[in-house]
Amino acid sequence: MLRTHTCGELTVNDVGKEVTLCGWVNARRDHGKLIFIDIRDRFGLAQVVFVPKEAPLAYERAAQLRSEFVIQLKGRVNPRPKGTINPKIPTGEVEILAQGLEIINPSQNIPFEISDSLEISEELRLKYRYLDLRRQKMFANILLRHRLYQVTRRLLDAEGFLEVETPILTKSTPEGARDFLVPSRLSPGEFYALPQSPQLFKQILMVSGVERYFQIAKCFRDEDLRSDRQPEFTQLDMEMSFVNEEDIFQVTEKLFFHIFKELKGIELQLPFRRIEIG
């Protein structure tokens, strides 16, 4: 490993340790003969101070640093001086006294600051998507989706479901929308269709005796854009055999209960209130 710790885990319990960090330069500040930087990775921020007497070569290299440089840093964890503690971040009680610095990759001037507080046009964000995804808000969305998938998989596994991947290249079938078509190189003039849903495949699985199936499935529909419909989207696809309506309600309610509890800390009341129609 190129690092001994992540940028977000160092606390006062680590004071005195020699550490190696890797990440991006989030900010640089010059204070007289001292240079401060914040180094960032996906786990958080850590403050680093460069002192010319302590590490002259590292100090010289630190003068070259700009936002979003990728670096490897070696140093010792020290407590922050009184009056400089930052209670807003987990590492706010400590700083790293730099002893060594390697610039892994320099960065050109970036088109926008990596900050959640700025209003950035969607066109610019998509053009520089790799920068947009460095913003904390965007990364939080990725992390939330990851955690949602893990909660879903754990619950459905406990309920006896099998996760089965179904084909992406398939035959065009009459469904509710137009198919996306992919030309076949081996059969000129013929086409594969991207699935609008795994409907036929999960029915095959039920006939095969799988009994309980699920898949976090990619679906494709060649439709005009609407607020609730995209050409490519992800859905939780499920199917069960030998069940009645009440069984479906119970599994679905249990899934939503665990999702809300583990992701939002909200305990839903079970069973859900039923609304009769007709």
Protein backbone atom coordinates (compact mmCIF):
# COMPACT_ATOMS: atom_id res chain seq x y z
CA MET A 1 0.00 0.00 0.00
CA LEU A 2 1.19 3.50 -0.80
CA ARG A 3 -0.39 4.84 2.41
CA THR A 4 -0.60 3.82 6.05
CA HIS A 5 -3.77 5.77 6.87
CA THR A 6 -6.62 7.55 5.15
CA CYS A 7 -7.01 11.31 5.38
CA GLY A 8 -10.16 11.14 7.48
CA GLU A 9 -9.16 8.74 10.26
CA LEU A 10 -6.36 10.50 12.18
CA THR A 11 -7.22 11.71 15.69
CA VAL A 12 -5.43 12.70 18.90
CA ASN A 13 -4.94 8.97 19.56
CA ASP A 14 -2.49 8.96 16.64
CA VAL A 15 -0.28 11.80 17.93
CA GLY A 16 3.38 10.88 17.53
CA LYS A 17 2.82 8.33 14.79
CA GLU A 18 4.72 8.40 11.50
CA VAL A 19 2.13 8.25 8.71
CA THR A 20 1.96 8.18 4.94
CA LEU A 21 -1.06 9.70 3.20
CA CYS A 22 -2.14 9.81 -0.45
CA GLY A 23 -4.72 12.10 -1.95
CA TRP A 24 -5.56 15.38 -3.64
CA VAL A 25 -4.54 18.87 -2.55
CA ASN A 26 -7.80 20.44 -1.46
CA ALA A 27 -6.32 23.84 -0.55
CA ARG A 28 -2.96 25.53 0.04
CA ARG A 29 -2.23 28.45 2.38
CA ASP A 30 1.04 30.33 2.81
CA HIS A 31 1.64 31.81 6.29
CA GLY A 32 4.98 33.55 6.32
CA LYS A 33 7.58 30.81 6.19
CA LEU A 34 5.04 28.07 6.81
CA ILE A 35 2.98 26.34 4.12
CA PHE A 36 -0.28 24.63 5.02
CA ILE A 37 -2.26 22.30 2.80
CA ASP A 38 -5.41 20.25 3.23
CA ILE A 39 -5.01 16.78 1.71
CA ARG A 40 -8.24 15.03 0.70
CA ASP A 41 -9.29 11.51 -0.14
CA ARG A 42 -12.70 9.82 -0.16
CA PHE A 43 -12.57 9.43 3.62
CA GLY A 44 -11.99 13.07 4.60
CA LEU A 45 -9.45 15.87 5.05
CA ALA A 46 -6.22 16.26 6.98
CA GLN A 47 -4.18 19.43 7.56
CA VAL A 48 -0.47 19.34 6.76
CA VAL A 49 2.17 21.90 7.72
CA PHE A 50 5.52 22.28 5.92
CA VAL A 51 8.35 23.84 7.96
CA PRO A 52 11.58 24.64 6.08
CA LYS A 53 13.86 23.69 8.98
CA GLU A 54 12.16 20.32 9.46
CA ALA A 55 12.14 19.17 5.82
CA PRO A 56 13.67 21.66 3.36
CA LEU A 57 13.15 19.48 0.26
CA ALA A 58 9.50 18.80 1.10
CA TYR A 59 9.01 22.52 1.78
CA GLU A 60 10.49 23.40 -1.61
CA ARG A 61 8.19 20.95 -3.37
CA ALA A 62 5.17 22.18 -1.38
CA ALA A 63 5.67 25.64 -2.89
CA GLN A 64 4.75 24.11 -6.27
CA LEU A 65 1.46 22.61 -5.08
CA ARG A 66 -1.86 23.75 -6.48
CA SER A 67 -5.43 22.56 -6.05
CA GLU A 68 -6.05 18.96 -7.17
CA PHE A 69 -2.40 17.92 -7.37
CA VAL A 70 -2.19 14.22 -6.49
CA ILE A 71 0.46 13.65 -3.83
CA GLN A 72 2.00 11.18 -1.43
CA LEU A 73 2.93 12.68 1.91
CA LYS A 74 4.99 11.39 4.83
CA GLY A 75 5.02 13.02 8.23
CA ARG A 76 4.37 12.90 11.96
CA VAL A 77 1.00 13.45 13.61
CA ASN A 78 1.05 16.41 16.01
CA PRO A 79 -1.69 18.04 18.07
CA ARG A 80 -2.88 21.34 16.65
CA PRO A 81 -1.91 24.47 18.57
CA LYS A 82 -4.58 25.94 20.83
CA GLY A 83 -6.98 28.17 18.94
CA THR A 84 -6.53 26.32 15.64
CA ILE A 85 -8.69 23.26 16.37
CA ASN A 86 -11.41 22.68 13.76
CA PRO A 87 -14.39 20.89 15.38
CA LYS A 88 -16.18 20.57 12.04
CA ILE A 89 -14.02 17.68 10.82
CA PRO A 90 -12.97 14.42 12.55
CA THR A 91 -9.26 15.23 12.07
CA GLY A 92 -9.64 18.78 13.38
CA GLU A 93 -7.54 18.24 16.53
CA VAL A 94 -4.38 17.14 14.73
CA GLU A 95 -2.09 18.13 11.87
CA ILE A 96 0.72 16.39 10.00
CA LEU A 97 4.23 17.81 10.24
CA ALA A 98 5.52 17.03 6.75
CA GLN A 99 8.79 15.12 6.42
CA GLY A 100 8.53 14.01 2.80
CA LEU A 101 6.47 14.90 -0.29
CA GLU A 102 6.11 13.26 -3.68
CA ILE A 103 4.01 14.80 -6.45
CA ILE A 104 2.36 11.81 -8.12
CA ASN A 105 0.50 13.88 -10.68
CA PRO A 106 0.31 17.67 -11.15
CA SER A 107 -2.95 19.34 -12.13
CA GLN A 108 -3.71 22.05 -14.64
CA ASN A 109 -6.03 24.90 -13.66
CA ILE A 110 -9.42 23.31 -13.15
CA PRO A 111 -12.60 24.79 -14.71
CA PHE A 112 -14.45 24.97 -11.38
CA GLU A 113 -13.66 24.65 -7.70
CA ILE A 114 -14.34 21.32 -6.00
CA SER A 115 -17.03 22.68 -3.70
CA ASP A 116 -20.68 21.98 -2.94
CA SER A 117 -21.41 25.67 -2.34
CA LEU A 118 -20.93 26.77 -5.96
CA GLU A 119 -23.63 26.81 -8.62
CA ILE A 120 -22.16 25.01 -11.65
CA SER A 121 -23.98 24.50 -14.93
CA GLU A 122 -25.01 20.93 -15.71
CA GLU A 123 -23.26 21.12 -19.08
CA LEU A 124 -19.94 21.99 -17.43
CA ARG A 125 -20.39 19.34 -14.74
CA LEU A 126 -21.01 16.61 -17.31
CA LYS A 127 -18.09 17.71 -19.49
CA TYR A 128 -15.77 17.40 -16.49
CA ARG A 129 -17.59 14.57 -14.77
CA TYR A 130 -14.43 13.23 -13.10
CA LEU A 131 -14.13 16.59 -11.28
CA ASP A 132 -17.83 16.81 -10.49
CA LEU A 133 -17.71 13.39 -8.80
CA ARG A 134 -14.98 14.64 -6.44
CA ARG A 135 -17.49 16.99 -4.81
CA GLN A 136 -18.73 15.77 -1.43
CA LYS A 137 -22.39 15.95 -2.43
CA MET A 138 -21.86 13.77 -5.49
CA PHE A 139 -19.72 11.26 -3.62
CA ALA A 140 -22.39 11.07 -0.91
CA ASN A 141 -24.89 10.04 -3.60
CA ILE A 142 -22.58 7.25 -4.79
CA LEU A 143 -22.06 6.07 -1.21
CA LEU A 144 -25.81 6.14 -0.47
CA ARG A 145 -26.53 4.06 -3.57
CA HIS A 146 -23.83 1.56 -2.59
CA ARG A 147 -25.31 1.22 0.91
CA LEU A 148 -28.81 0.84 -0.55
CA TYR A 149 -27.61 -2.06 -2.69
CA GLN A 150 -25.96 -3.75 0.31
CA VAL A 151 -29.08 -3.44 2.49
CA THR A 152 -31.22 -4.80 -0.34
CA ARG A 153 -28.95 -7.76 -1.00
CA ARG A 154 -28.66 -8.70 2.68
CA LEU A 155 -32.42 -8.60 3.25
CA LEU A 156 -33.38 -10.53 0.13
CA ASP A 157 -30.67 -13.12 0.78
CA ALA A 158 -32.09 -13.63 4.27
CA GLU A 159 -35.54 -14.07 2.70
CA GLY A 160 -34.29 -16.89 0.44
CA PHE A 161 -33.90 -14.95 -2.80
CA LEU A 162 -31.17 -15.80 -5.33
CA GLU A 163 -29.47 -12.99 -7.25
CA VAL A 164 -29.29 -14.03 -10.90
CA GLU A 165 -27.84 -12.00 -13.77
CA THR A 166 -29.85 -12.17 -17.00
CA PRO A 167 -28.61 -11.39 -20.53
CA ILE A 168 -28.20 -7.85 -21.83
CA LEU A 169 -28.02 -8.78 -25.52
CA THR A 170 -31.32 -10.46 -26.28
CA LYS A 171 -34.15 -10.77 -28.82
CA SER A 172 -36.62 -7.99 -29.47
CA THR A 173 -39.97 -8.68 -27.82
CA PRO A 174 -43.23 -6.72 -27.88
CA GLU A 175 -43.33 -4.61 -24.71
CA GLY A 176 -44.52 -1.15 -23.78
CA ALA A 177 -41.76 0.85 -25.47
CA ARG A 178 -39.30 0.77 -28.37
CA ASP A 179 -36.14 -1.31 -28.08
CA PHE A 180 -32.59 -0.11 -28.40
CA LEU A 181 -31.07 -2.22 -31.19
CA VAL A 182 -27.46 -3.40 -31.51
CA PRO A 183 -26.22 -4.64 -34.94
CA SER A 184 -24.81 -8.16 -34.98
CA ARG A 185 -21.35 -8.45 -36.56
CA LEU A 186 -21.65 -12.22 -37.03
CA SER A 187 -25.13 -12.04 -38.58
CA PRO A 188 -25.21 -9.02 -40.92
CA GLY A 189 -28.64 -7.41 -41.19
CA GLU A 190 -29.79 -8.80 -37.83
CA PHE A 191 -29.89 -7.06 -34.47
CA TYR A 192 -29.81 -7.70 -30.77
CA ALA A 193 -32.20 -5.78 -28.53
CA LEU A 194 -31.29 -4.33 -25.14
CA PRO A 195 -33.84 -5.50 -22.53
CA GLN A 196 -36.63 -3.17 -21.45
CA SER A 197 -36.89 -5.40 -18.37
CA PRO A 198 -35.83 -8.95 -17.41
CA GLN A 199 -39.46 -10.06 -17.58
CA LEU A 200 -39.09 -13.10 -19.85
CA PHE A 201 -35.90 -14.28 -18.18
CA LYS A 202 -37.32 -14.19 -14.67
CA GLN A 203 -40.35 -16.16 -15.86
CA ILE A 204 -37.95 -18.78 -17.22
CA LEU A 205 -36.25 -18.84 -13.81
CA MET A 206 -39.59 -19.42 -12.08
CA VAL A 207 -40.45 -22.30 -14.44
CA SER A 208 -36.94 -23.67 -13.79
CA GLY A 209 -37.65 -23.92 -10.05
CA VAL A 210 -35.54 -21.02 -8.73
CA GLU A 211 -38.68 -19.89 -6.81
CA ARG A 212 -37.26 -16.60 -5.47
CA TYR A 213 -35.18 -14.38 -7.74
CA PHE A 214 -33.93 -10.82 -7.64
CA GLN A 215 -31.60 -8.64 -9.66
CA ILE A 216 -30.49 -5.02 -9.58
CA ALA A 217 -31.06 -4.76 -13.31
CA LYS A 218 -30.15 -2.32 -16.05
CA CYS A 219 -33.10 -1.60 -18.33
CA PHE A 220 -33.20 0.26 -21.66
CA ARG A 221 -36.16 1.92 -23.38
CA ASP A 222 -35.92 4.02 -26.52
CA GLU A 223 -38.39 6.69 -25.45
CA ASP A 224 -38.58 10.45 -25.30
CA LEU A 225 -37.21 11.91 -22.09
CA ARG A 226 -39.70 12.53 -19.28
CA SER A 227 -39.24 13.54 -15.66
CA ASP A 228 -39.93 9.97 -14.53
CA ARG A 229 -38.35 8.04 -17.40
CA GLN A 230 -34.81 7.80 -18.75
CA PRO A 231 -33.53 5.80 -21.75
CA GLU A 232 -31.30 3.83 -19.34
CA PHE A 233 -32.26 3.15 -15.73
CA THR A 234 -31.75 0.68 -12.89
CA GLN A 235 -34.54 -1.19 -11.16
CA LEU A 236 -34.85 -3.79 -8.43
CA ASP A 237 -36.41 -6.75 -10.23
CA MET A 238 -38.02 -9.54 -8.18
CA GLU A 239 -40.13 -12.64 -8.76
CA MET A 240 -41.55 -15.31 -6.45
CA SER A 241 -43.29 -18.65 -6.85
CA PHE A 242 -45.92 -20.29 -4.61
CA VAL A 243 -46.93 -17.06 -2.91
CA ASN A 244 -50.07 -14.99 -2.56
CA GLU A 245 -50.68 -11.26 -2.43
CA GLU A 246 -50.03 -11.04 1.32
CA ASP A 247 -46.61 -12.70 0.95
CA ILE A 248 -45.60 -10.06 -1.60
CA PHE A 249 -46.77 -7.28 0.72
CA GLN A 250 -44.76 -8.68 3.64
CA VAL A 251 -41.49 -9.02 1.72
CA THR A 252 -41.83 -5.56 0.19
CA GLU A 253 -42.70 -3.92 3.52
CA LYS A 254 -39.79 -5.63 5.26
CA LEU A 255 -37.43 -4.41 2.52
CA PHE A 256 -38.59 -0.81 2.86
CA PHE A 257 -38.41 -1.05 6.67
CA HIS A 258 -34.74 -2.09 6.58
CA ILE A 259 -33.82 0.46 3.90
CA PHE A 260 -35.27 3.38 5.85
CA LYS A 261 -33.87 2.15 9.19
CA GLU A 262 -30.31 1.53 8.01
CA LEU A 263 -29.96 4.47 5.61
CA LYS A 264 -32.04 7.17 7.30
CA GLY A 265 -32.47 6.00 10.89
CA ILE A 266 -36.25 6.00 10.46
CA GLU A 267 -38.34 3.08 11.74
CA LEU A 268 -41.48 2.62 9.68
CA GLN A 269 -44.58 1.18 11.28
CA LEU A 270 -45.37 -2.34 10.07
CA PRO A 271 -47.62 -3.45 8.52
CA PHE A 272 -48.21 -0.50 6.20
CA ARG A 273 -51.68 0.99 6.22
CA ARG A 274 -53.76 -0.53 3.42
CA ILE A 275 -56.01 1.59 1.21
CA GLU A 276 -58.87 -0.31 -0.37
CA ILE A 277 -59.88 0.64 -3.89
CA GLY A 278 -63.30 -0.01 -5.38
